[in-house]
């Protein structure tokens, strides 16, 4: 077998050849201002992830001892926190202390999230791009800001599929022996865009019965019957990413697609 050598001289020659042929691939780099603004939304996303992890750990500590926290839709709301306080007495000593410490961490994280959100609204100026993104189902000010800053300019994506792949809402395709199957989504993607579109999809799915978005509701229900909830939710996230591309490309607000004549809604 031959041996492939890699040296700086060979790399330089290869780059020079690509440059001369006009085939040297280029990348889009956001401006220094945009990169600076991204830190606000990315920090909020990191804090939101911490908040979710702490909440899940607290609930797991109660579940380990069979303590049910029922009666409130949000256990960490005002009424739910009073229930948590009363339920602490049923925990063993060290577990109770651990939960109390985690509640203190949770309060601190929530305080930082509340502090950074007004800063985002103050610094991020309203633009036509953000207004177009907010017209999409499930996307409000925060998610529109995240998506807008991470996309930068939609012109750098040749197709909607490119944006979906960049956003990590497309499953990997694996083909072998004439069989094709879809695996998990790739990891080398823009995880901030992926988080934003998945958050919007979760909001759409959770409110699908009272929101007037039949196309997304039918998409979710059709795939959920064949697959499962996570796969169907990711399909909604991909649909939102594709829609975001066309909304920005055409510079038109979101409009619910017209039903295809002769098609029947899912039973």
Foldseek 3Di string as FASTA:
>chain_A
DDDDDDDPVVVVVVQVVCVVVVNRDDDDDDDPVLVVLLVLLVVLVVLVVVLVVLVVVLVVLCVVVPHDQDDDPDLPDPVNVVVVVVCLVVHDDVSSVVNVVSVVVNVVSVVVSVVSVVVSVVPDDDDLLLVQLCLDQQDDNSLSSLQCSVCVALVVAPALVSQLLQLQLAFDWDDDPRDIDTHHTDDPHDPSSVVSLLNSLVVCQVCVVPDPQLVLVLQLVVVCVVPNNVNSSSVSSSVSSNQSSVCRVVVHHDDRDDDDPPDDGDD
